Amino acid sequence: MAEQDDTPLTGNLSPADIERLIKRLDMLDKRLDSVDSIVSAVAERVMRQPITMNITCPRCGQKIEIAIIGIEKPGR
């Protein structure tokens, strides 16, 4: 198990480091928003048409079929 360091970081950071950290957090927030938009778009497409996945078990070789059927909400 990893050791935890309980030393506070705020005393060691310069204002430039804090500004850089804020910019990185903003970039991460924007990336997460983009991922959310992409996942929403894919989910909307899935809701318009059925999807069938065929999966083969790597251990026994048995084939499994999974069907996902969605119904698009009215008004979109």
C-alpha atoms as a PDB file:
ATOM      1  CA  MET A   1       0.000   0.000   0.000  1.00  0.00           C
ATOM      2  CA  ALA A   2       1.317   3.472  -0.832  1.00  0.00           C
ATOM      3  CA  GLU A   3       2.425   5.702   1.971  1.00  0.00           C
ATOM      4  CA  GLN A   4       0.472   8.895   2.502  1.00  0.00           C
ATOM      5  CA  ASP A   5       2.265  12.203   2.849  1.00  0.00           C
ATOM      6  CA  ASP A   6       0.376  14.460   5.252  1.00  0.00           C
ATOM      7  CA  THR A   7       2.426  17.606   4.589  1.00  0.00           C
ATOM      8  CA  PRO A   8       0.314  20.543   3.429  1.00  0.00           C
ATOM      9  CA  LEU A   9       1.048  21.611  -0.146  1.00  0.00           C
ATOM     10  CA  THR A  10      -0.177  25.197   0.079  1.00  0.00           C
ATOM     11  CA  GLY A  11       2.922  26.375   1.929  1.00  0.00           C
ATOM     12  CA  ASN A  12       5.225  24.979  -0.758  1.00  0.00           C
ATOM     13  CA  LEU A  13       3.420  26.438  -3.804  1.00  0.00           C
ATOM     14  CA  SER A  14       4.302  29.772  -5.301  1.00  0.00           C
ATOM     15  CA  PRO A  15       1.592  31.985  -6.812  1.00  0.00           C
ATOM     16  CA  ALA A  16       2.796  30.933 -10.281  1.00  0.00           C
ATOM     17  CA  ASP A  17       2.384  27.262  -9.326  1.00  0.00           C
ATOM     18  CA  ILE A  18      -1.121  27.919  -8.042  1.00  0.00           C
ATOM     19  CA  GLU A  19      -2.016  29.756 -11.271  1.00  0.00           C
ATOM     20  CA  ARG A  20      -0.650  26.839 -13.330  1.00  0.00           C
ATOM     21  CA  LEU A  21      -2.682  24.394 -11.230  1.00  0.00           C
ATOM     22  CA  ILE A  22      -5.847  26.451 -11.772  1.00  0.00           C
ATOM     23  CA  LYS A  23      -5.250  26.450 -15.542  1.00  0.00           C
ATOM     24  CA  ARG A  24      -4.751  22.679 -15.558  1.00  0.00           C
ATOM     25  CA  LEU A  25      -7.946  22.156 -13.583  1.00  0.00           C
ATOM     26  CA  ASP A  26      -9.828  24.364 -16.060  1.00  0.00           C
ATOM     27  CA  MET A  27      -8.421  22.330 -18.975  1.00  0.00           C
ATOM     28  CA  LEU A  28      -9.473  19.103 -17.250  1.00  0.00           C
ATOM     29  CA  ASP A  29     -12.967  20.503 -16.713  1.00  0.00           C
ATOM     30  CA  LYS A  30     -13.256  21.386 -20.415  1.00  0.00           C
ATOM     31  CA  ARG A  31     -12.051  17.924 -21.442  1.00  0.00           C
ATOM     32  CA  LEU A  32     -14.574  16.256 -19.151  1.00  0.00           C
ATOM     33  CA  ASP A  33     -17.325  18.419 -20.673  1.00  0.00           C
ATOM     34  CA  SER A  34     -16.212  17.282 -24.148  1.00  0.00           C
ATOM     35  CA  VAL A  35     -16.275  13.636 -23.101  1.00  0.00           C
ATOM     36  CA  ASP A  36     -19.746  14.145 -21.645  1.00  0.00           C
ATOM     37  CA  SER A  37     -20.950  15.623 -24.945  1.00  0.00           C
ATOM     38  CA  ILE A  38     -19.521  12.705 -26.920  1.00  0.00           C
ATOM     39  CA  VAL A  39     -21.083  10.115 -24.612  1.00  0.00           C
ATOM     40  CA  SER A  40     -24.436  11.911 -24.835  1.00  0.00           C
ATOM     41  CA  ALA A  41     -24.277  11.933 -28.633  1.00  0.00           C
ATOM     42  CA  VAL A  42     -23.499   8.207 -28.719  1.00  0.00           C
ATOM     43  CA  ALA A  43     -26.342   7.482 -26.291  1.00  0.00           C
ATOM     44  CA  GLU A  44     -28.770   9.439 -28.485  1.00  0.00           C
ATOM     45  CA  ARG A  45     -27.727   7.393 -31.520  1.00  0.00           C
ATOM     46  CA  VAL A  46     -28.157   4.160 -29.582  1.00  0.00           C
ATOM     47  CA  MET A  47     -31.659   5.196 -28.573  1.00  0.00           C
ATOM     48  CA  ARG A  48     -32.650   5.534 -32.252  1.00  0.00           C
ATOM     49  CA  GLN A  49     -31.695   2.031 -33.377  1.00  0.00           C
ATOM     50  CA  PRO A  50     -31.159  -1.417 -31.875  1.00  0.00           C
ATOM     51  CA  ILE A  51     -27.642  -2.689 -31.231  1.00  0.00           C
ATOM     52  CA  THR A  52     -26.563  -6.327 -31.032  1.00  0.00           C
ATOM     53  CA  MET A  53     -23.202  -7.342 -29.578  1.00  0.00           C
ATOM     54  CA  ASN A  54     -21.784 -10.821 -30.101  1.00  0.00           C
ATOM     55  CA  ILE A  55     -19.166 -11.723 -27.512  1.00  0.00           C
ATOM     56  CA  THR A  56     -17.141 -14.928 -27.311  1.00  0.00           C
ATOM     57  CA  CYS A  57     -16.034 -16.068 -23.872  1.00  0.00           C
ATOM     58  CA  PRO A  58     -12.210 -16.220 -23.821  1.00  0.00           C
ATOM     59  CA  ARG A  59     -12.247 -19.181 -21.398  1.00  0.00           C
ATOM     60  CA  CYS A  60     -14.889 -21.566 -22.742  1.00  0.00           C
ATOM     61  CA  GLY A  61     -15.451 -20.210 -26.256  1.00  0.00           C
ATOM     62  CA  GLN A  62     -19.234 -19.919 -25.761  1.00  0.00           C
ATOM     63  CA  LYS A  63     -20.858 -17.180 -27.848  1.00  0.00           C
ATOM     64  CA  ILE A  64     -23.086 -14.674 -26.081  1.00  0.00           C
ATOM     65  CA  GLU A  65     -25.457 -12.304 -27.878  1.00  0.00           C
ATOM     66  CA  ILE A  66     -26.521  -9.102 -26.140  1.00  0.00           C
ATOM     67  CA  ALA A  67     -29.258  -6.992 -27.716  1.00  0.00           C
ATOM     68  CA  ILE A  68     -29.893  -3.402 -26.640  1.00  0.00           C
ATOM     69  CA  ILE A  69     -33.098  -1.811 -27.833  1.00  0.00           C
ATOM     70  CA  GLY A  70     -33.836   1.795 -27.027  1.00  0.00           C
ATOM     71  CA  ILE A  71     -36.810   4.012 -27.640  1.00  0.00           C
ATOM     72  CA  GLU A  72     -36.195   7.633 -28.482  1.00  0.00           C
ATOM     73  CA  LYS A  73     -38.075  10.060 -26.270  1.00  0.00           C
ATOM     74  CA  PRO A  74     -40.700  12.121 -28.084  1.00  0.00           C
ATOM     75  CA  GLY A  75     -39.965  15.767 -28.715  1.00  0.00           C
ATOM     76  CA  ARG A  76     -36.360  15.396 -29.834  1.00  0.00           C
END
